[in-house]
Amino acid sequence: MQRIILASTSKYRRAQLEQLGIPFEAHASHVDEEALKAEELSVQDLALALARLKAEALAESFPDALLIGGDQIAEVDGEILNKPETFENACAQLKRLSGRAHHLWTAIAIHQPSTGRTEQFIEQHIMNVRPLTDGQIEYYVKHDMPLDCCGSYKIESMGISLFSSIEGKDHSAIVGVPLMQLVTTLQTFGVQWPPSV
């Protein structure tokens, strides 16, 4: 099977690919995200552009591999919610999201340096947060510590309890990689998964 490189050191994306059982390596992809954000692209275009840049940034280092880049953006009222990084910021984000809906965009790019081919896709989820008290928010943040997650929640952990409903096609996208579409797109590059015995 063709060598697969995940252009990310995100523990969440790594865990998702491990869940599938697809052999892969993970390597950091250094991209100037702030410069791209300054270009005032739509949220969808920004997520797709960042995913593509991350994948293509490793092309010189791994010319014979398939490179997977990803990006995720949470958006409310047209504003991007960055990773909170601190307890206070996480609580503030969740207070803002309490009792209302926001959008979560997850983009993936698969780049094949040997042919120059890149395939991209994006998943949108509408995340409906239950009304939460300040005490519930603080309890959640203390226990799940979602300081490295845009939107300040870990859907795969206690974070699921924050939501009344989620609208979207593939809930695995909320963690960071839309696994169903990833497998489908990898097949177009000749990677059949699960493999035949």
N, C-alpha and C. Protein backbone atom coordinates (compact mmCIF):
# COMPACT_ATOMS: atom_id res chain seq x y z
N MET A 1 0.84 -1.19 0.00
CA MET A 1 0.00 0.00 0.00
C MET A 1 0.88 1.25 0.00
N GLN A 2 0.38 2.28 -0.64
CA GLN A 2 1.11 3.53 -0.71
C GLN A 2 1.33 4.11 0.68
N ARG A 3 2.49 4.68 0.89
CA ARG A 3 2.81 5.31 2.17
C ARG A 3 1.88 6.49 2.42
N ILE A 4 1.35 6.58 3.63
CA ILE A 4 0.42 7.65 3.99
C ILE A 4 1.03 8.48 5.11
N ILE A 5 1.02 9.78 4.92
CA ILE A 5 1.55 10.72 5.91
C ILE A 5 0.42 11.64 6.37
N LEU A 6 0.19 11.69 7.65
CA LEU A 6 -0.73 12.66 8.23
C LEU A 6 0.07 13.92 8.52
N ALA A 7 -0.29 15.01 7.85
CA ALA A 7 0.46 16.27 8.01
C ALA A 7 -0.04 17.01 9.25
N SER A 8 0.14 16.36 10.37
CA SER A 8 -0.36 16.92 11.63
C SER A 8 0.22 16.12 12.78
N THR A 9 0.42 16.78 13.90
CA THR A 9 0.80 16.06 15.12
C THR A 9 -0.36 16.07 16.12
N SER A 10 -1.56 16.42 15.65
CA SER A 10 -2.74 16.43 16.51
C SER A 10 -3.00 15.03 17.05
N LYS A 11 -3.06 14.90 18.37
CA LYS A 11 -3.33 13.59 18.97
C LYS A 11 -4.72 13.10 18.62
N TYR A 12 -5.64 14.03 18.35
CA TYR A 12 -7.01 13.64 18.02
C TYR A 12 -7.09 13.04 16.62
N ARG A 13 -6.42 13.68 15.65
CA ARG A 13 -6.44 13.13 14.29
C ARG A 13 -5.66 11.82 14.22
N ARG A 14 -4.56 11.75 14.96
CA ARG A 14 -3.80 10.49 14.99
C ARG A 14 -4.66 9.35 15.52
N ALA A 15 -5.39 9.62 16.59
CA ALA A 15 -6.24 8.59 17.19
C ALA A 15 -7.32 8.13 16.21
N GLN A 16 -7.83 9.05 15.42
CA GLN A 16 -8.86 8.67 14.45
C GLN A 16 -8.32 7.74 13.37
N LEU A 17 -7.13 8.05 12.83
CA LEU A 17 -6.55 7.17 11.82
C LEU A 17 -6.16 5.82 12.43
N GLU A 18 -5.71 5.85 13.68
CA GLU A 18 -5.42 4.59 14.36
C GLU A 18 -6.68 3.76 14.53
N GLN A 19 -7.80 4.43 14.76
CA GLN A 19 -9.09 3.76 14.90
C GLN A 19 -9.42 2.97 13.64
N LEU A 20 -9.10 3.54 12.47
CA LEU A 20 -9.37 2.86 11.21
C LEU A 20 -8.43 1.68 10.98
N GLY A 21 -7.24 1.76 11.56
CA GLY A 21 -6.25 0.71 11.34
C GLY A 21 -5.41 0.92 10.09
N ILE A 22 -5.53 2.08 9.46
CA ILE A 22 -4.73 2.37 8.28
C ILE A 22 -3.29 2.69 8.70
N PRO A 23 -2.30 2.01 8.13
CA PRO A 23 -0.90 2.34 8.47
C PRO A 23 -0.56 3.76 8.01
N PHE A 24 0.01 4.54 8.89
CA PHE A 24 0.37 5.91 8.54
C PHE A 24 1.47 6.41 9.46
N GLU A 25 2.07 7.52 9.06
CA GLU A 25 3.02 8.25 9.90
C GLU A 25 2.48 9.66 10.09
N ALA A 26 2.84 10.28 11.19
CA ALA A 26 2.42 11.66 11.44
C ALA A 26 3.63 12.56 11.52
N HIS A 27 3.58 13.66 10.79
CA HIS A 27 4.68 14.63 10.79
C HIS A 27 4.09 16.04 10.82
N ALA A 28 4.74 16.92 11.56
CA ALA A 28 4.27 18.30 11.67
C ALA A 28 4.39 19.00 10.32
N SER A 29 3.40 19.82 10.03
CA SER A 29 3.39 20.62 8.81
C SER A 29 3.33 22.08 9.24
N HIS A 30 4.37 22.83 8.91
CA HIS A 30 4.46 24.21 9.38
C HIS A 30 3.91 25.17 8.31
N VAL A 31 2.78 25.78 8.65
CA VAL A 31 2.09 26.70 7.73
C VAL A 31 1.79 27.98 8.49
N ASP A 32 1.93 29.10 7.82
CA ASP A 32 1.63 30.40 8.43
C ASP A 32 0.11 30.63 8.35
N GLU A 33 -0.59 30.13 9.36
CA GLU A 33 -2.05 30.23 9.36
C GLU A 33 -2.52 31.67 9.48
N GLU A 34 -1.83 32.47 10.26
CA GLU A 34 -2.26 33.85 10.48
C GLU A 34 -2.21 34.66 9.19
N ALA A 35 -1.22 34.41 8.34
CA ALA A 35 -1.11 35.13 7.08
C ALA A 35 -2.31 34.82 6.19
N LEU A 36 -2.73 33.57 6.18
CA LEU A 36 -3.88 33.18 5.36
C LEU A 36 -5.17 33.76 5.93
N LYS A 37 -5.28 33.77 7.26
CA LYS A 37 -6.49 34.32 7.88
C LYS A 37 -6.64 35.80 7.57
N ALA A 38 -5.52 36.49 7.35
CA ALA A 38 -5.56 37.92 7.05
C ALA A 38 -6.12 38.20 5.66
N GLU A 39 -6.27 37.18 4.83
CA GLU A 39 -6.76 37.37 3.46
C GLU A 39 -8.27 37.49 3.39
N GLU A 40 -8.95 37.36 4.52
CA GLU A 40 -10.40 37.55 4.60
C GLU A 40 -11.17 36.61 3.67
N LEU A 41 -10.80 35.35 3.68
CA LEU A 41 -11.54 34.33 2.94
C LEU A 41 -12.79 33.96 3.71
N SER A 42 -13.74 33.32 3.04
CA SER A 42 -14.88 32.77 3.77
C SER A 42 -14.37 31.66 4.68
N VAL A 43 -15.15 31.32 5.69
CA VAL A 43 -14.72 30.28 6.62
C VAL A 43 -14.46 28.97 5.89
N GLN A 44 -15.34 28.61 4.97
CA GLN A 44 -15.16 27.36 4.23
C GLN A 44 -13.88 27.40 3.39
N ASP A 45 -13.67 28.49 2.68
CA ASP A 45 -12.48 28.61 1.83
C ASP A 45 -11.20 28.63 2.67
N LEU A 46 -11.27 29.26 3.83
CA LEU A 46 -10.11 29.30 4.71
C LEU A 46 -9.75 27.91 5.21
N ALA A 47 -10.75 27.14 5.66
CA ALA A 47 -10.49 25.78 6.14
C ALA A 47 -9.90 24.92 5.03
N LEU A 48 -10.47 25.02 3.82
CA LEU A 48 -9.97 24.22 2.70
C LEU A 48 -8.55 24.64 2.31
N ALA A 49 -8.29 25.95 2.30
CA ALA A 49 -6.95 26.44 1.94
C ALA A 49 -5.91 25.99 2.95
N LEU A 50 -6.25 26.05 4.23
CA LEU A 50 -5.31 25.61 5.27
C LEU A 50 -5.04 24.12 5.18
N ALA A 51 -6.08 23.32 4.94
CA ALA A 51 -5.89 21.88 4.81
C ALA A 51 -4.97 21.56 3.63
N ARG A 52 -5.19 22.25 2.53
CA ARG A 52 -4.36 22.01 1.34
C ARG A 52 -2.91 22.43 1.58
N LEU A 53 -2.71 23.60 2.18
CA LEU A 53 -1.35 24.07 2.45
C LEU A 53 -0.60 23.10 3.36
N LYS A 54 -1.29 22.59 4.38
CA LYS A 54 -0.65 21.66 5.31
C LYS A 54 -0.22 20.38 4.60
N ALA A 55 -1.07 19.88 3.72
CA ALA A 55 -0.71 18.66 2.98
C ALA A 55 0.44 18.93 2.02
N GLU A 56 0.35 20.01 1.26
CA GLU A 56 1.36 20.29 0.24
C GLU A 56 2.70 20.71 0.85
N ALA A 57 2.69 21.19 2.08
CA ALA A 57 3.94 21.64 2.71
C ALA A 57 4.93 20.50 2.91
N LEU A 58 4.44 19.26 2.94
CA LEU A 58 5.33 18.11 3.16
C LEU A 58 5.70 17.39 1.86
N ALA A 59 5.30 17.96 0.74
CA ALA A 59 5.52 17.28 -0.55
C ALA A 59 6.99 17.04 -0.84
N GLU A 60 7.84 18.00 -0.53
CA GLU A 60 9.27 17.85 -0.82
C GLU A 60 9.90 16.78 0.06
N SER A 61 9.43 16.67 1.29
CA SER A 61 10.00 15.69 2.23
C SER A 61 9.52 14.28 1.94
N PHE A 62 8.30 14.16 1.40
CA PHE A 62 7.72 12.83 1.17
C PHE A 62 7.13 12.77 -0.24
N PRO A 63 7.98 12.79 -1.27
CA PRO A 63 7.49 12.89 -2.65
C PRO A 63 6.70 11.68 -3.15
N ASP A 64 6.89 10.53 -2.50
CA ASP A 64 6.21 9.31 -2.97
C ASP A 64 5.04 8.89 -2.09
N ALA A 65 4.63 9.76 -1.17
CA ALA A 65 3.56 9.41 -0.23
C ALA A 65 2.25 10.09 -0.60
N LEU A 66 1.19 9.66 0.04
CA LEU A 66 -0.07 10.40 0.05
C LEU A 66 -0.07 11.25 1.31
N LEU A 67 -0.31 12.54 1.17
CA LEU A 67 -0.22 13.47 2.29
C LEU A 67 -1.62 13.95 2.66
N ILE A 68 -1.97 13.80 3.93
CA ILE A 68 -3.30 14.20 4.41
C ILE A 68 -3.17 15.42 5.30
N GLY A 69 -3.77 16.52 4.88
CA GLY A 69 -3.79 17.73 5.69
C GLY A 69 -5.21 18.03 6.13
N GLY A 70 -5.36 18.62 7.29
CA GLY A 70 -6.69 18.92 7.79
C GLY A 70 -6.74 20.23 8.54
N ASP A 71 -7.93 20.82 8.57
CA ASP A 71 -8.14 22.01 9.38
C ASP A 71 -9.59 22.04 9.83
N GLN A 72 -9.80 22.67 10.97
CA GLN A 72 -11.14 22.74 11.54
C GLN A 72 -11.37 24.13 12.10
N ILE A 73 -12.55 24.66 11.82
CA ILE A 73 -12.89 26.01 12.28
C ILE A 73 -14.29 26.00 12.88
N ALA A 74 -14.39 26.52 14.09
CA ALA A 74 -15.69 26.75 14.72
C ALA A 74 -16.05 28.21 14.48
N GLU A 75 -17.33 28.45 14.18
CA GLU A 75 -17.76 29.81 13.81
C GLU A 75 -19.09 30.13 14.48
N VAL A 76 -19.19 31.31 15.05
CA VAL A 76 -20.45 31.80 15.59
C VAL A 76 -20.57 33.28 15.27
N ASP A 77 -21.73 33.68 14.78
CA ASP A 77 -21.96 35.08 14.40
C ASP A 77 -20.91 35.59 13.41
N GLY A 78 -20.44 34.70 12.54
CA GLY A 78 -19.45 35.08 11.55
C GLY A 78 -18.05 35.23 12.09
N GLU A 79 -17.84 34.89 13.35
CA GLU A 79 -16.53 35.03 13.99
C GLU A 79 -15.92 33.66 14.26
N ILE A 80 -14.63 33.53 13.97
CA ILE A 80 -13.92 32.27 14.22
C ILE A 80 -13.59 32.15 15.70
N LEU A 81 -13.86 30.97 16.25
CA LEU A 81 -13.50 30.69 17.63
C LEU A 81 -12.16 29.95 17.63
N ASN A 82 -11.13 30.58 18.09
CA ASN A 82 -9.81 29.95 18.14
C ASN A 82 -9.72 28.99 19.31
N LYS A 83 -8.67 28.18 19.33
CA LYS A 83 -8.44 27.30 20.47
C LYS A 83 -8.29 28.17 21.72
N PRO A 84 -8.99 27.85 22.80
CA PRO A 84 -9.02 28.75 23.95
C PRO A 84 -7.69 28.89 24.68
N GLU A 85 -6.96 27.81 24.82
CA GLU A 85 -5.63 27.77 25.45
C GLU A 85 -5.63 28.01 26.96
N THR A 86 -6.63 28.72 27.48
CA THR A 86 -6.70 28.93 28.93
C THR A 86 -8.08 28.53 29.45
N PHE A 87 -8.15 28.23 30.74
CA PHE A 87 -9.41 27.89 31.39
C PHE A 87 -10.43 29.01 31.22
N GLU A 88 -9.99 30.23 31.42
CA GLU A 88 -10.89 31.38 31.35
C GLU A 88 -11.46 31.56 29.94
N ASN A 89 -10.60 31.41 28.94
CA ASN A 89 -11.07 31.56 27.56
C ASN A 89 -12.06 30.45 27.19
N ALA A 90 -11.79 29.24 27.66
CA ALA A 90 -12.69 28.12 27.37
C ALA A 90 -14.07 28.36 27.99
N CYS A 91 -14.09 28.82 29.23
CA CYS A 91 -15.37 29.11 29.89
C CYS A 91 -16.10 30.23 29.14
N ALA A 92 -15.37 31.24 28.71
CA ALA A 92 -15.99 32.36 28.00
C ALA A 92 -16.58 31.90 26.66
N GLN A 93 -15.87 31.01 25.95
CA GLN A 93 -16.40 30.51 24.69
C GLN A 93 -17.69 29.73 24.92
N LEU A 94 -17.69 28.86 25.90
CA LEU A 94 -18.88 28.04 26.15
C LEU A 94 -20.05 28.88 26.65
N LYS A 95 -19.78 29.92 27.41
CA LYS A 95 -20.86 30.82 27.83
C LYS A 95 -21.48 31.49 26.59
N ARG A 96 -20.64 31.84 25.65
CA ARG A 96 -21.14 32.46 24.42
C ARG A 96 -21.97 31.48 23.60
N LEU A 97 -21.60 30.20 23.62
CA LEU A 97 -22.29 29.20 22.82
C LEU A 97 -23.51 28.62 23.51
N SER A 98 -23.63 28.83 24.80
CA SER A 98 -24.72 28.24 25.59
C SER A 98 -26.09 28.59 25.05
N GLY A 99 -26.92 27.58 24.84
CA GLY A 99 -28.30 27.77 24.41
C GLY A 99 -28.49 28.18 22.97
N ARG A 100 -27.46 28.00 22.16
CA ARG A 100 -27.58 28.42 20.77
C ARG A 100 -26.77 27.52 19.84
N ALA A 101 -26.91 27.76 18.56
CA ALA A 101 -26.23 26.95 17.55
C ALA A 101 -24.98 27.66 17.03
N HIS A 102 -23.98 26.86 16.65
CA HIS A 102 -22.83 27.41 15.94
C HIS A 102 -22.43 26.40 14.87
N HIS A 103 -21.56 26.83 13.98
CA HIS A 103 -21.12 25.99 12.86
C HIS A 103 -19.71 25.47 13.11
N LEU A 104 -19.50 24.22 12.74
CA LEU A 104 -18.17 23.62 12.80
C LEU A 104 -17.83 23.09 11.41
N TRP A 105 -16.73 23.60 10.86
CA TRP A 105 -16.28 23.22 9.51
C TRP A 105 -15.02 22.39 9.63
N THR A 106 -15.01 21.22 8.99
CA THR A 106 -13.84 20.34 9.02
C THR A 106 -13.42 20.04 7.58
N ALA A 107 -12.22 20.46 7.22
CA ALA A 107 -11.72 20.31 5.86
C ALA A 107 -10.54 19.34 5.83
N ILE A 108 -10.48 18.55 4.77
CA ILE A 108 -9.38 17.61 4.55
C ILE A 108 -8.88 17.76 3.12
N ALA A 109 -7.57 17.70 2.95
CA ALA A 109 -6.95 17.67 1.63
C ALA A 109 -6.03 16.46 1.56
N ILE A 110 -6.10 15.74 0.46
CA ILE A 110 -5.18 14.62 0.21
C ILE A 110 -4.36 14.98 -1.03
N HIS A 111 -3.05 15.06 -0.83
CA HIS A 111 -2.15 15.49 -1.90
C HIS A 111 -1.20 14.36 -2.27
N GLN A 112 -1.04 14.16 -3.57
CA GLN A 112 -0.12 13.14 -4.10
C GLN A 112 0.98 13.86 -4.87
N PRO A 113 2.13 14.08 -4.25
CA PRO A 113 3.20 14.85 -4.90
C PRO A 113 3.65 14.26 -6.23
N SER A 114 3.64 12.94 -6.36
CA SER A 114 4.16 12.32 -7.58
C SER A 114 3.34 12.68 -8.82
N THR A 115 2.07 13.01 -8.63
CA THR A 115 1.21 13.38 -9.75
C THR A 115 0.76 14.84 -9.68
N GLY A 116 0.94 15.48 -8.52
CA GLY A 116 0.46 16.84 -8.33
C GLY A 116 -1.03 16.92 -8.04
N ARG A 117 -1.65 15.77 -7.90
CA ARG A 117 -3.10 15.73 -7.68
C ARG A 117 -3.45 16.02 -6.23
N THR A 118 -4.49 16.83 -6.02
CA THR A 118 -5.01 17.09 -4.69
C THR A 118 -6.53 16.96 -4.71
N GLU A 119 -7.07 16.22 -3.78
CA GLU A 119 -8.52 16.12 -3.61
C GLU A 119 -8.88 16.72 -2.26
N GLN A 120 -9.95 17.51 -2.22
CA GLN A 120 -10.36 18.18 -0.99
C GLN A 120 -11.85 17.96 -0.74
N PHE A 121 -12.22 18.01 0.53
CA PHE A 121 -13.63 18.01 0.89
C PHE A 121 -13.79 18.69 2.23
N ILE A 122 -15.01 19.11 2.49
CA ILE A 122 -15.30 19.81 3.74
C ILE A 122 -16.65 19.35 4.27
N GLU A 123 -16.74 19.20 5.57
CA GLU A 123 -17.98 18.81 6.24
C GLU A 123 -18.42 19.95 7.15
N GLN A 124 -19.70 20.24 7.13
CA GLN A 124 -20.27 21.23 8.03
C GLN A 124 -21.18 20.54 9.03
N HIS A 125 -21.06 20.93 10.29
CA HIS A 125 -21.98 20.47 11.32
C HIS A 125 -22.57 21.68 12.03
N ILE A 126 -23.85 21.61 12.30
CA ILE A 126 -24.51 22.62 13.12
C ILE A 126 -24.61 22.05 14.52
N MET A 127 -23.95 22.72 15.45
CA MET A 127 -23.80 22.24 16.81
C MET A 127 -24.75 23.02 17.73
N ASN A 128 -25.75 22.35 18.24
CA ASN A 128 -26.75 22.99 19.09
C ASN A 128 -26.43 22.73 20.56
N VAL A 129 -25.96 23.76 21.24
CA VAL A 129 -25.54 23.64 22.63
C VAL A 129 -26.74 23.86 23.56
N ARG A 130 -26.88 22.99 24.54
CA ARG A 130 -27.93 23.14 25.54
C ARG A 130 -27.68 24.41 26.36
N PRO A 131 -28.72 24.99 26.96
CA PRO A 131 -28.48 26.08 27.93
C PRO A 131 -27.66 25.55 29.10
N LEU A 132 -26.56 26.22 29.42
CA LEU A 132 -25.65 25.76 30.46
C LEU A 132 -25.47 26.83 31.52
N THR A 133 -25.41 26.42 32.77
CA THR A 133 -25.12 27.37 33.83
C THR A 133 -23.62 27.60 33.90
N ASP A 134 -23.23 28.69 34.56
CA ASP A 134 -21.80 28.95 34.74
C ASP A 134 -21.14 27.80 35.47
N GLY A 135 -21.84 27.24 36.46
CA GLY A 135 -21.28 26.12 37.22
C GLY A 135 -21.07 24.89 36.38
N GLN A 136 -22.00 24.60 35.48
CA GLN A 136 -21.85 23.45 34.58
C GLN A 136 -20.67 23.65 33.64
N ILE A 137 -20.54 24.86 33.13
CA ILE A 137 -19.43 25.16 32.22
C ILE A 137 -18.10 24.98 32.92
N GLU A 138 -17.98 25.53 34.11
CA GLU A 138 -16.72 25.43 34.85
C GLU A 138 -16.40 23.98 35.21
N TYR A 139 -17.41 23.23 35.60
CA TYR A 139 -17.20 21.80 35.91
C TYR A 139 -16.69 21.08 34.67
N TYR A 140 -17.37 21.32 33.54
CA TYR A 140 -16.97 20.65 32.31
C TYR A 140 -15.53 20.98 31.93
N VAL A 141 -15.18 22.25 31.92
CA VAL A 141 -13.83 22.65 31.49
C VAL A 141 -12.78 22.07 32.43
N LYS A 142 -13.04 22.06 33.73
CA LYS A 142 -12.09 21.49 34.68
C LYS A 142 -11.86 20.00 34.43
N HIS A 143 -12.92 19.28 34.06
CA HIS A 143 -12.80 17.83 33.92
C HIS A 143 -12.35 17.37 32.53
N ASP A 144 -12.73 18.09 31.48
CA ASP A 144 -12.35 17.66 30.13
C ASP A 144 -11.14 18.42 29.60
N MET A 145 -10.86 19.59 30.16
CA MET A 145 -9.72 20.42 29.75
C MET A 145 -9.60 20.56 28.23
N PRO A 146 -10.63 21.12 27.58
CA PRO A 146 -10.61 21.23 26.12
C PRO A 146 -9.86 22.48 25.64
N LEU A 147 -8.71 22.73 26.21
CA LEU A 147 -8.00 23.98 25.94
C LEU A 147 -7.35 24.02 24.56
N ASP A 148 -7.22 22.84 23.93
CA ASP A 148 -6.63 22.79 22.59
C ASP A 148 -7.66 22.45 21.52
N CYS A 149 -8.93 22.73 21.83
CA CYS A 149 -10.03 22.38 20.91
C CYS A 149 -10.82 23.63 20.54
N CYS A 150 -10.96 23.89 19.23
CA CYS A 150 -11.78 25.03 18.83
C CYS A 150 -13.21 24.79 19.27
N GLY A 151 -13.82 25.82 19.85
CA GLY A 151 -15.15 25.67 20.40
C GLY A 151 -15.16 25.27 21.86
N SER A 152 -14.02 24.82 22.37
CA SER A 152 -13.85 24.48 23.79
C SER A 152 -14.66 23.27 24.23
N TYR A 153 -14.68 22.23 23.38
CA TYR A 153 -15.34 20.98 23.79
C TYR A 153 -14.68 19.80 23.10
N LYS A 154 -14.76 18.66 23.75
CA LYS A 154 -14.29 17.39 23.20
C LYS A 154 -15.51 16.50 23.02
N ILE A 155 -15.98 16.40 21.80
CA ILE A 155 -17.21 15.66 21.52
C ILE A 155 -17.05 14.17 21.84
N GLU A 156 -15.82 13.68 21.74
CA GLU A 156 -15.57 12.25 21.96
C GLU A 156 -15.47 11.91 23.44
N SER A 157 -15.58 12.91 24.28
CA SER A 157 -15.46 12.72 25.72
C SER A 157 -16.71 13.29 26.40
N MET A 158 -16.55 13.93 27.54
CA MET A 158 -17.69 14.48 28.27
C MET A 158 -18.39 15.58 27.49
N GLY A 159 -17.74 16.14 26.49
CA GLY A 159 -18.30 17.23 25.71
C GLY A 159 -19.63 16.91 25.05
N ILE A 160 -19.89 15.64 24.79
CA ILE A 160 -21.17 15.27 24.16
C ILE A 160 -22.34 15.70 25.02
N SER A 161 -22.13 15.81 26.33
CA SER A 161 -23.22 16.17 27.24
C SER A 161 -23.63 17.63 27.12
N LEU A 162 -22.86 18.43 26.40
CA LEU A 162 -23.16 19.85 26.25
C LEU A 162 -24.20 20.12 25.17
N PHE A 163 -24.50 19.12 24.36
CA PHE A 163 -25.31 19.35 23.16
C PHE A 163 -26.71 18.76 23.26
N SER A 164 -27.66 19.50 22.68
CA SER A 164 -29.03 18.99 22.57
C SER A 164 -29.22 18.25 21.26
N SER A 165 -28.50 18.67 20.22
CA SER A 165 -28.54 17.99 18.93
C SER A 165 -27.38 18.45 18.07
N ILE A 166 -27.07 17.62 17.08
CA ILE A 166 -26.00 17.93 16.13
C ILE A 166 -26.52 17.58 14.75
N GLU A 167 -26.38 18.51 13.82
CA GLU A 167 -26.84 18.28 12.45
C GLU A 167 -25.63 18.17 11.53
N GLY A 168 -25.51 17.04 10.87
CA GLY A 168 -24.39 16.84 9.96
C GLY A 168 -24.35 15.41 9.47
N LYS A 169 -23.44 15.13 8.54
CA LYS A 169 -23.41 13.83 7.87
C LYS A 169 -22.53 12.81 8.56
N ASP A 170 -21.39 13.23 9.09
CA ASP A 170 -20.42 12.28 9.64
C ASP A 170 -19.87 12.84 10.95
N HIS A 171 -20.36 12.30 12.05
CA HIS A 171 -19.98 12.85 13.36
C HIS A 171 -18.49 12.69 13.67
N SER A 172 -17.80 11.80 12.97
CA SER A 172 -16.36 11.68 13.20
C SER A 172 -15.63 12.96 12.77
N ALA A 173 -16.27 13.75 11.90
CA ALA A 173 -15.66 15.01 11.47
C ALA A 173 -15.50 15.98 12.64
N ILE A 174 -16.37 15.88 13.64
CA ILE A 174 -16.34 16.81 14.76
C ILE A 174 -15.05 16.65 15.55
N VAL A 175 -14.50 15.46 15.58
CA VAL A 175 -13.23 15.21 16.27
C VAL A 175 -12.07 15.80 15.48
N GLY A 176 -12.17 15.80 14.14
CA GLY A 176 -11.10 16.38 13.35
C GLY A 176 -10.92 15.79 11.96
N VAL A 177 -11.40 14.56 11.74
CA VAL A 177 -11.29 13.93 10.42
C VAL A 177 -12.62 13.25 10.07
N PRO A 178 -13.25 13.64 8.97
CA PRO A 178 -14.46 12.94 8.52
C PRO A 178 -14.06 11.57 7.94
N LEU A 179 -14.13 10.54 8.76
CA LEU A 179 -13.55 9.25 8.39
C LEU A 179 -14.25 8.58 7.21
N MET A 180 -15.55 8.72 7.11
CA MET A 180 -16.26 8.06 6.00
C MET A 180 -15.81 8.63 4.66
N GLN A 181 -15.75 9.96 4.56
CA GLN A 181 -15.33 10.58 3.31
C GLN A 181 -13.84 10.38 3.06
N LEU A 182 -13.06 10.31 4.14
CA LEU A 182 -11.62 10.06 3.98
C LEU A 182 -11.39 8.71 3.30
N VAL A 183 -12.06 7.67 3.78
CA VAL A 183 -11.90 6.34 3.20
C VAL A 183 -12.35 6.34 1.74
N THR A 184 -13.47 6.99 1.47
CA THR A 184 -13.99 7.07 0.10
C THR A 184 -12.99 7.77 -0.82
N THR A 185 -12.40 8.87 -0.35
CA THR A 185 -11.46 9.62 -1.18
C THR A 185 -10.15 8.88 -1.35
N LEU A 186 -9.68 8.22 -0.31
CA LEU A 186 -8.46 7.41 -0.43
C LEU A 186 -8.62 6.33 -1.50
N GLN A 187 -9.82 5.80 -1.65
CA GLN A 187 -10.05 4.77 -2.67
C GLN A 187 -9.77 5.31 -4.07
N THR A 188 -10.03 6.60 -4.28
CA THR A 188 -9.77 7.17 -5.61
C THR A 188 -8.28 7.27 -5.89
N PHE A 189 -7.45 7.15 -4.83
CA PHE A 189 -5.99 7.12 -5.00
C PHE A 189 -5.47 5.68 -5.01
N GLY A 190 -6.37 4.72 -5.00
CA GLY A 190 -5.97 3.31 -5.05
C GLY A 190 -5.78 2.66 -3.70
N VAL A 191 -6.14 3.37 -2.63
CA VAL A 191 -6.03 2.78 -1.28
C VAL A 191 -7.38 2.17 -0.91
N GLN A 192 -7.48 0.87 -0.96
CA GLN A 192 -8.73 0.18 -0.62
C GLN A 192 -8.70 -0.18 0.86
N TRP A 193 -9.70 0.32 1.60
CA TRP A 193 -9.74 0.04 3.03
C TRP A 193 -11.16 -0.22 3.49
N PRO A 194 -11.41 -1.32 4.21
CA PRO A 194 -10.44 -2.34 4.62
C PRO A 194 -9.89 -3.09 3.40
N PRO A 195 -8.66 -3.59 3.55
CA PRO A 195 -8.06 -4.34 2.44
C PRO A 195 -8.69 -5.72 2.31
N SER A 196 -8.59 -6.29 1.14
CA SER A 196 -9.10 -7.66 0.95
C SER A 196 -8.13 -8.66 1.59
N VAL A 197 -8.69 -9.76 2.10
CA VAL A 197 -7.84 -10.80 2.71
C VAL A 197 -7.38 -11.77 1.63
